[in-house]
Amino acid sequence: MISLNSEFIGITAEVIDSTNPSLVGINGRIVDETQHMFTLKIGSESKMIPKQNTVWKFANEQVINGDLVAKRPEDRIKVKA
């Protein structure tokens, strides 16, 4: 189970909704994370996708609104669930 303060690097994710329709359907493995972006490895390329204004579905079918995880990873992980 993925919580809002989980480590996301290494998890497969897909954008299922976004204010930018060109991002919907993009999926890959999260290889890096910043306060505002996930970097997904898609085939042989990497693509930076904003967390905010996107809804993410993870490999375990869990859905998370990116606005809720738009924090620095080290700060988000420290928070107790």
PDB file of N, CA and C in Angstrom:
ATOM      1  N   MET A   1       0.838  -1.183   0.000  1.00  0.00           N
ATOM      2  CA  MET A   1       0.000   0.000   0.000  1.00  0.00           C
ATOM      3  C   MET A   1       0.880   1.243   0.000  1.00  0.00           C
ATOM      4  N   ILE A   2       0.612   2.141  -0.886  1.00  0.00           N
ATOM      5  CA  ILE A   2       1.357   3.388  -1.001  1.00  0.00           C
ATOM      6  C   ILE A   2       0.629   4.457  -0.192  1.00  0.00           C
ATOM      7  N   SER A   3       1.367   5.141   0.679  1.00  0.00           N
ATOM      8  CA  SER A   3       0.771   6.248   1.426  1.00  0.00           C
ATOM      9  C   SER A   3       1.325   7.559   0.881  1.00  0.00           C
ATOM     10  N   LEU A   4       0.784   8.661   1.323  1.00  0.00           N
ATOM     11  CA  LEU A   4       1.222   9.956   0.834  1.00  0.00           C
ATOM     12  C   LEU A   4       2.657  10.272   1.230  1.00  0.00           C
ATOM     13  N   ASN A   5       3.182   9.582   2.235  1.00  0.00           N
ATOM     14  CA  ASN A   5       4.569   9.821   2.622  1.00  0.00           C
ATOM     15  C   ASN A   5       5.470   8.635   2.270  1.00  0.00           C
ATOM     16  N   SER A   6       5.099   7.879   1.248  1.00  0.00           N
ATOM     17  CA  SER A   6       5.908   6.758   0.769  1.00  0.00           C
ATOM     18  C   SER A   6       7.048   7.253  -0.111  1.00  0.00           C
ATOM     19  N   GLU A   7       8.018   6.404  -0.295  1.00  0.00           N
ATOM     20  CA  GLU A   7       9.069   6.626  -1.288  1.00  0.00           C
ATOM     21  C   GLU A   7       8.489   6.196  -2.627  1.00  0.00           C
ATOM     22  N   PHE A   8       8.525   7.062  -3.624  1.00  0.00           N
ATOM     23  CA  PHE A   8       7.926   6.754  -4.918  1.00  0.00           C
ATOM     24  C   PHE A   8       8.933   6.265  -5.954  1.00  0.00           C
ATOM     25  N   ILE A   9      10.216   6.521  -5.730  1.00  0.00           N
ATOM     26  CA  ILE A   9      11.220   6.097  -6.713  1.00  0.00           C
ATOM     27  C   ILE A   9      11.201   4.576  -6.829  1.00  0.00           C
ATOM     28  N   GLY A  10      11.137   4.101  -8.080  1.00  0.00           N
ATOM     29  CA  GLY A  10      11.107   2.675  -8.358  1.00  0.00           C
ATOM     30  C   GLY A  10       9.715   2.132  -8.621  1.00  0.00           C
ATOM     31  N   ILE A  11       8.689   2.934  -8.372  1.00  0.00           N
ATOM     32  CA  ILE A  11       7.308   2.496  -8.551  1.00  0.00           C
ATOM     33  C   ILE A  11       6.838   2.835  -9.975  1.00  0.00           C
ATOM     34  N   THR A  12       6.060   1.946 -10.566  1.00  0.00           N
ATOM     35  CA  THR A  12       5.463   2.211 -11.868  1.00  0.00           C
ATOM     36  C   THR A  12       4.207   3.052 -11.668  1.00  0.00           C
ATOM     37  N   ALA A  13       4.080   4.112 -12.479  1.00  0.00           N
ATOM     38  CA  ALA A  13       2.962   5.038 -12.324  1.00  0.00           C
ATOM     39  C   ALA A  13       2.434   5.466 -13.691  1.00  0.00           C
ATOM     40  N   GLU A  14       1.168   5.892 -13.697  1.00  0.00           N
ATOM     41  CA  GLU A  14       0.516   6.379 -14.912  1.00  0.00           C
ATOM     42  C   GLU A  14      -0.278   7.633 -14.582  1.00  0.00           C
ATOM     43  N   VAL A  15      -0.227   8.614 -15.470  1.00  0.00           N
ATOM     44  CA  VAL A  15      -1.050   9.816 -15.324  1.00  0.00           C
ATOM     45  C   VAL A  15      -2.439   9.463 -15.859  1.00  0.00           C
ATOM     46  N   ILE A  16      -3.465   9.536 -14.985  1.00  0.00           N
ATOM     47  CA  ILE A  16      -4.815   9.196 -15.434  1.00  0.00           C
ATOM     48  C   ILE A  16      -5.704  10.420 -15.607  1.00  0.00           C
ATOM     49  N   ASP A  17      -5.249  11.571 -15.078  1.00  0.00           N
ATOM     50  CA  ASP A  17      -5.988  12.813 -15.287  1.00  0.00           C
ATOM     51  C   ASP A  17      -5.022  13.970 -15.097  1.00  0.00           C
ATOM     52  N   SER A  18      -5.207  15.015 -15.870  1.00  0.00           N
ATOM     53  CA  SER A  18      -4.330  16.180 -15.778  1.00  0.00           C
ATOM     54  C   SER A  18      -5.010  17.375 -16.421  1.00  0.00           C
ATOM     55  N   THR A  19      -4.636  18.563 -15.958  1.00  0.00           N
ATOM     56  CA  THR A  19      -5.113  19.770 -16.622  1.00  0.00           C
ATOM     57  C   THR A  19      -4.443  19.921 -17.985  1.00  0.00           C
ATOM     58  N   ASN A  20      -3.349  19.198 -18.208  1.00  0.00           N
ATOM     59  CA  ASN A  20      -2.674  19.145 -19.507  1.00  0.00           C
ATOM     60  C   ASN A  20      -3.042  17.813 -20.157  1.00  0.00           C
ATOM     61  N   PRO A  21      -3.993  17.800 -21.085  1.00  0.00           N
ATOM     62  CA  PRO A  21      -4.474  16.539 -21.655  1.00  0.00           C
ATOM     63  C   PRO A  21      -3.387  15.712 -22.349  1.00  0.00           C
ATOM     64  N   SER A  22      -2.294  16.335 -22.775  1.00  0.00           N
ATOM     65  CA  SER A  22      -1.234  15.572 -23.448  1.00  0.00           C
ATOM     66  C   SER A  22      -0.475  14.662 -22.485  1.00  0.00           C
ATOM     67  N   LEU A  23      -0.635  14.859 -21.186  1.00  0.00           N
ATOM     68  CA  LEU A  23       0.045  14.006 -20.199  1.00  0.00           C
ATOM     69  C   LEU A  23      -0.749  12.751 -19.855  1.00  0.00           C
ATOM     70  N   VAL A  24      -2.049  12.773 -20.082  1.00  0.00           N
ATOM     71  CA  VAL A  24      -2.899  11.637 -19.715  1.00  0.00           C
ATOM     72  C   VAL A  24      -2.486  10.406 -20.510  1.00  0.00           C
ATOM     73  N   GLY A  25      -2.269   9.305 -19.788  1.00  0.00           N
ATOM     74  CA  GLY A  25      -1.881   8.048 -20.418  1.00  0.00           C
ATOM     75  C   GLY A  25      -0.396   7.775 -20.368  1.00  0.00           C
ATOM     76  N   ILE A  26       0.419   8.772 -20.019  1.00  0.00           N
ATOM     77  CA  ILE A  26       1.864   8.545 -19.911  1.00  0.00           C
ATOM     78  C   ILE A  26       2.116   7.647 -18.717  1.00  0.00           C
ATOM     79  N   ASN A  27       2.914   6.617 -18.923  1.00  0.00           N
ATOM     80  CA  ASN A  27       3.247   5.726 -17.811  1.00  0.00           C
ATOM     81  C   ASN A  27       4.680   5.261 -17.913  1.00  0.00           C
ATOM     82  N   GLY A  28       5.241   4.939 -16.775  1.00  0.00           N
ATOM     83  CA  GLY A  28       6.618   4.472 -16.699  1.00  0.00           C
ATOM     84  C   GLY A  28       7.018   4.299 -15.249  1.00  0.00           C
ATOM     85  N   ARG A  29       8.298   4.030 -15.054  1.00  0.00           N
ATOM     86  CA  ARG A  29       8.829   3.831 -13.705  1.00  0.00           C
ATOM     87  C   ARG A  29       9.396   5.162 -13.207  1.00  0.00           C
ATOM     88  N   ILE A  30       9.038   5.539 -11.984  1.00  0.00           N
ATOM     89  CA  ILE A  30       9.560   6.774 -11.396  1.00  0.00           C
ATOM     90  C   ILE A  30      11.029   6.552 -11.052  1.00  0.00           C
ATOM     91  N   VAL A  31      11.907   7.387 -11.643  1.00  0.00           N
ATOM     92  CA  VAL A  31      13.347   7.242 -11.413  1.00  0.00           C
ATOM     93  C   VAL A  31      13.926   8.408 -10.618  1.00  0.00           C
ATOM     94  N   ASP A  32      13.157   9.488 -10.477  1.00  0.00           N
ATOM     95  CA  ASP A  32      13.617  10.631  -9.686  1.00  0.00           C
ATOM     96  C   ASP A  32      12.397  11.437  -9.272  1.00  0.00           C
ATOM     97  N   GLU A  33      12.584  12.230  -8.218  1.00  0.00           N
ATOM     98  CA  GLU A  33      11.487  13.034  -7.707  1.00  0.00           C
ATOM     99  C   GLU A  33      12.049  14.326  -7.135  1.00  0.00           C
ATOM    100  N   THR A  34      11.402  15.429  -7.453  1.00  0.00           N
ATOM    101  CA  THR A  34      11.701  16.715  -6.828  1.00  0.00           C
ATOM    102  C   THR A  34      10.426  17.209  -6.166  1.00  0.00           C
ATOM    103  N   GLN A  35      10.469  18.420  -5.640  1.00  0.00           N
ATOM    104  CA  GLN A  35       9.288  18.964  -4.963  1.00  0.00           C
ATOM    105  C   GLN A  35       8.091  19.030  -5.892  1.00  0.00           C
ATOM    106  N   HIS A  36       8.316  19.365  -7.161  1.00  0.00           N
ATOM    107  CA  HIS A  36       7.205  19.582  -8.076  1.00  0.00           C
ATOM    108  C   HIS A  36       7.110  18.580  -9.221  1.00  0.00           C
ATOM    109  N   MET A  37       8.060  17.676  -9.354  1.00  0.00           N
ATOM    110  CA  MET A  37       8.109  16.797 -10.529  1.00  0.00           C
ATOM    111  C   MET A  37       8.421  15.351 -10.160  1.00  0.00           C
ATOM    112  N   PHE A  38       7.846  14.443 -10.949  1.00  0.00           N
ATOM    113  CA  PHE A  38       8.299  13.055 -11.002  1.00  0.00           C
ATOM    114  C   PHE A  38       9.020  12.902 -12.332  1.00  0.00           C
ATOM    115  N   THR A  39      10.136  12.193 -12.349  1.00  0.00           N
ATOM    116  CA  THR A  39      10.797  11.849 -13.605  1.00  0.00           C
ATOM    117  C   THR A  39      10.493  10.385 -13.874  1.00  0.00           C
ATOM    118  N   LEU A  40       9.842  10.116 -15.002  1.00  0.00           N
ATOM    119  CA  LEU A  40       9.468   8.758 -15.384  1.00  0.00           C
ATOM    120  C   LEU A  40      10.407   8.251 -16.463  1.00  0.00           C
ATOM    121  N   LYS A  41      10.829   7.013 -16.323  1.00  0.00           N
ATOM    122  CA  LYS A  41      11.597   6.332 -17.361  1.00  0.00           C
ATOM    123  C   LYS A  41      10.576   5.646 -18.257  1.00  0.00           C
ATOM    124  N   ILE A  42      10.551   6.080 -19.519  1.00  0.00           N
ATOM    125  CA  ILE A  42       9.591   5.566 -20.487  1.00  0.00           C
ATOM    126  C   ILE A  42      10.399   4.995 -21.637  1.00  0.00           C
ATOM    127  N   GLY A  43      10.506   3.669 -21.677  1.00  0.00           N
ATOM    128  CA  GLY A  43      11.356   3.046 -22.690  1.00  0.00           C
ATOM    129  C   GLY A  43      12.798   3.465 -22.465  1.00  0.00           C
ATOM    130  N   SER A  44      13.419   4.073 -23.482  1.00  0.00           N
ATOM    131  CA  SER A  44      14.815   4.486 -23.357  1.00  0.00           C
ATOM    132  C   SER A  44      14.951   5.969 -23.010  1.00  0.00           C
ATOM    133  N   GLU A  45      13.837   6.659 -22.809  1.00  0.00           N
ATOM    134  CA  GLU A  45      13.913   8.083 -22.485  1.00  0.00           C
ATOM    135  C   GLU A  45      13.307   8.370 -21.125  1.00  0.00           C
ATOM    136  N   SER A  46      13.611   9.539 -20.592  1.00  0.00           N
ATOM    137  CA  SER A  46      13.039   9.997 -19.331  1.00  0.00           C
ATOM    138  C   SER A  46      12.212  11.239 -19.608  1.00  0.00           C
ATOM    139  N   LYS A  47      11.134  11.381 -18.847  1.00  0.00           N
ATOM    140  CA  LYS A  47      10.250  12.533 -19.038  1.00  0.00           C
ATOM    141  C   LYS A  47       9.870  13.069 -17.666  1.00  0.00           C
ATOM    142  N   MET A  48       9.992  14.395 -17.493  1.00  0.00           N
ATOM    143  CA  MET A  48       9.608  15.029 -16.240  1.00  0.00           C
ATOM    144  C   MET A  48       8.140  15.445 -16.325  1.00  0.00           C
ATOM    145  N   ILE A  49       7.359  15.015 -15.339  1.00  0.00           N
ATOM    146  CA  ILE A  49       5.926  15.277 -15.294  1.00  0.00           C
ATOM    147  C   ILE A  49       5.629  16.027 -13.993  1.00  0.00           C
ATOM    148  N   PRO A  50       4.902  17.144 -14.066  1.00  0.00           N
ATOM    149  CA  PRO A  50       4.578  17.853 -12.826  1.00  0.00           C
ATOM    150  C   PRO A  50       3.639  17.036 -11.944  1.00  0.00           C
ATOM    151  N   LYS A  51       3.843  17.133 -10.643  1.00  0.00           N
ATOM    152  CA  LYS A  51       2.953  16.457  -9.690  1.00  0.00           C
ATOM    153  C   LYS A  51       1.617  17.190  -9.599  1.00  0.00           C
ATOM    154  N   GLN A  52       1.692  18.512  -9.549  1.00  0.00           N
ATOM    155  CA  GLN A  52       0.477  19.299  -9.358  1.00  0.00           C
ATOM    156  C   GLN A  52      -0.417  19.234 -10.586  1.00  0.00           C
ATOM    157  N   ASN A  53      -1.697  19.260 -10.315  1.00  0.00           N
ATOM    158  CA  ASN A  53      -2.729  19.215 -11.361  1.00  0.00           C
ATOM    159  C   ASN A  53      -2.729  17.903 -12.143  1.00  0.00           C
ATOM    160  N   THR A  54      -2.214  16.843 -11.541  1.00  0.00           N
ATOM    161  CA  THR A  54      -2.258  15.516 -12.163  1.00  0.00           C
ATOM    162  C   THR A  54      -2.766  14.501 -11.149  1.00  0.00           C
ATOM    163  N   VAL A  55      -3.391  13.456 -11.655  1.00  0.00           N
ATOM    164  CA  VAL A  55      -3.823  12.340 -10.823  1.00  0.00           C
ATOM    165  C   VAL A  55      -3.053  11.123 -11.303  1.00  0.00           C
ATOM    166  N   TRP A  56      -2.450  10.413 -10.363  1.00  0.00           N
ATOM    167  CA  TRP A  56      -1.557   9.302 -10.662  1.00  0.00           C
ATOM    168  C   TRP A  56      -2.168   7.975 -10.236  1.00  0.00           C
ATOM    169  N   LYS A  57      -1.999   6.945 -11.069  1.00  0.00           N
ATOM    170  CA  LYS A  57      -2.384   5.583 -10.696  1.00  0.00           C
ATOM    171  C   LYS A  57      -1.099   4.772 -10.638  1.00  0.00           C
ATOM    172  N   PHE A  58      -0.922   4.060  -9.549  1.00  0.00           N
ATOM    173  CA  PHE A  58       0.288   3.277  -9.346  1.00  0.00           C
ATOM    174  C   PHE A  58       0.041   1.809  -9.660  1.00  0.00           C
ATOM    175  N   ALA A  59       1.110   1.036  -9.722  1.00  0.00           N
ATOM    176  CA  ALA A  59       1.048  -0.357 -10.145  1.00  0.00           C
ATOM    177  C   ALA A  59       0.042  -1.181  -9.338  1.00  0.00           C
ATOM    178  N   ASN A  60      -0.189  -0.816  -8.096  1.00  0.00           N
ATOM    179  CA  ASN A  60      -1.133  -1.563  -7.259  1.00  0.00           C
ATOM    180  C   ASN A  60      -2.566  -1.040  -7.403  1.00  0.00           C
ATOM    181  N   GLU A  61      -2.806  -0.238  -8.463  1.00  0.00           N
ATOM    182  CA  GLU A  61      -4.129   0.332  -8.768  1.00  0.00           C
ATOM    183  C   GLU A  61      -4.543   1.453  -7.820  1.00  0.00           C
ATOM    184  N   GLN A  62      -3.658   1.867  -6.923  1.00  0.00           N
ATOM    185  CA  GLN A  62      -3.974   2.970  -6.029  1.00  0.00           C
ATOM    186  C   GLN A  62      -3.873   4.287  -6.788  1.00  0.00           C
ATOM    187  N   VAL A  63      -4.784   5.199  -6.511  1.00  0.00           N
ATOM    188  CA  VAL A  63      -4.834   6.501  -7.178  1.00  0.00           C
ATOM    189  C   VAL A  63      -4.541   7.591  -6.154  1.00  0.00           C
ATOM    190  N   ILE A  64      -3.640   8.528  -6.526  1.00  0.00           N
ATOM    191  CA  ILE A  64      -3.270   9.632  -5.645  1.00  0.00           C
ATOM    192  C   ILE A  64      -3.276  10.930  -6.440  1.00  0.00           C
ATOM    193  N   ASN A  65      -3.858  11.952  -5.860  1.00  0.00           N
ATOM    194  CA  ASN A  65      -3.829  13.286  -6.449  1.00  0.00           C
ATOM    195  C   ASN A  65      -2.431  13.861  -6.227  1.00  0.00           C
ATOM    196  N   GLY A  66      -1.771  14.267  -7.290  1.00  0.00           N
ATOM    197  CA  GLY A  66      -0.409  14.777  -7.209  1.00  0.00           C
ATOM    198  C   GLY A  66      -0.267  16.012  -6.341  1.00  0.00           C
ATOM    199  N   ASP A  67      -1.333  16.804  -6.210  1.00  0.00           N
ATOM    200  CA  ASP A  67      -1.274  17.992  -5.357  1.00  0.00           C
ATOM    201  C   ASP A  67      -0.949  17.615  -3.906  1.00  0.00           C
ATOM    202  N   LEU A  68      -1.348  16.424  -3.484  1.00  0.00           N
ATOM    203  CA  LEU A  68      -1.134  15.989  -2.098  1.00  0.00           C
ATOM    204  C   LEU A  68       0.299  15.571  -1.820  1.00  0.00           C
ATOM    205  N   VAL A  69       1.086  15.290  -2.857  1.00  0.00           N
ATOM    206  CA  VAL A  69       2.472  14.858  -2.667  1.00  0.00           C
ATOM    207  C   VAL A  69       3.459  15.872  -3.241  1.00  0.00           C
ATOM    208  N   ALA A  70       2.983  17.073  -3.549  1.00  0.00           N
ATOM    209  CA  ALA A  70       3.840  18.115  -4.122  1.00  0.00           C
ATOM    210  C   ALA A  70       4.636  18.802  -3.015  1.00  0.00           C
ATOM    211  N   LYS A  71       5.550  18.044  -2.440  1.00  0.00           N
ATOM    212  CA  LYS A  71       6.464  18.529  -1.401  1.00  0.00           C
ATOM    213  C   LYS A  71       7.830  17.960  -1.702  1.00  0.00           C
ATOM    214  N   ARG A  72       8.834  18.498  -1.054  1.00  0.00           N
ATOM    215  CA  ARG A  72      10.158  17.897  -1.205  1.00  0.00           C
ATOM    216  C   ARG A  72      10.083  16.481  -0.652  1.00  0.00           C
ATOM    217  N   PRO A  73      10.640  15.508  -1.370  1.00  0.00           N
ATOM    218  CA  PRO A  73      10.518  14.114  -0.926  1.00  0.00           C
ATOM    219  C   PRO A  73      11.025  13.900   0.496  1.00  0.00           C
ATOM    220  N   GLU A  74      12.149  14.527   0.840  1.00  0.00           N
ATOM    221  CA  GLU A  74      12.705  14.316   2.179  1.00  0.00           C
ATOM    222  C   GLU A  74      11.797  14.886   3.263  1.00  0.00           C
ATOM    223  N   ASP A  75      11.056  15.945   2.975  1.00  0.00           N
ATOM    224  CA  ASP A  75      10.111  16.490   3.951  1.00  0.00           C
ATOM    225  C   ASP A  75       8.845  15.632   4.033  1.00  0.00           C
ATOM    226  N   ARG A  76       8.369  15.146   2.904  1.00  0.00           N
ATOM    227  CA  ARG A  76       7.143  14.347   2.875  1.00  0.00           C
ATOM    228  C   ARG A  76       7.346  13.009   3.588  1.00  0.00           C
ATOM    229  N   ILE A  77       8.495  12.389   3.394  1.00  0.00           N
ATOM    230  CA  ILE A  77       8.757  11.065   3.970  1.00  0.00           C
ATOM    231  C   ILE A  77       8.876  11.145   5.494  1.00  0.00           C
ATOM    232  N   LYS A  78       9.344  12.268   6.041  1.00  0.00           N
ATOM    233  CA  LYS A  78       9.510  12.429   7.492  1.00  0.00           C
ATOM    234  C   LYS A  78       8.178  12.477   8.231  1.00  0.00           C
ATOM    235  N   VAL A  79       7.096  12.889   7.543  1.00  0.00           N
ATOM    236  CA  VAL A  79       5.802  13.055   8.190  1.00  0.00           C
ATOM    237  C   VAL A  79       5.246  11.702   8.585  1.00  0.00           C
ATOM    238  N   LYS A  80       4.732  11.613   9.787  1.00  0.00           N
ATOM    239  CA  LYS A  80       4.114  10.357  10.239  1.00  0.00           C
ATOM    240  C   LYS A  80       2.746  10.210   9.605  1.00  0.00           C
ATOM    241  N   ALA A  81       2.422   8.989   9.174  1.00  0.00           N
ATOM    242  CA  ALA A  81       1.123   8.730   8.520  1.00  0.00           C
ATOM    243  C   ALA A  81       0.003   8.775   9.525  1.00  0.00           C
TER     244      ALA A  81
END
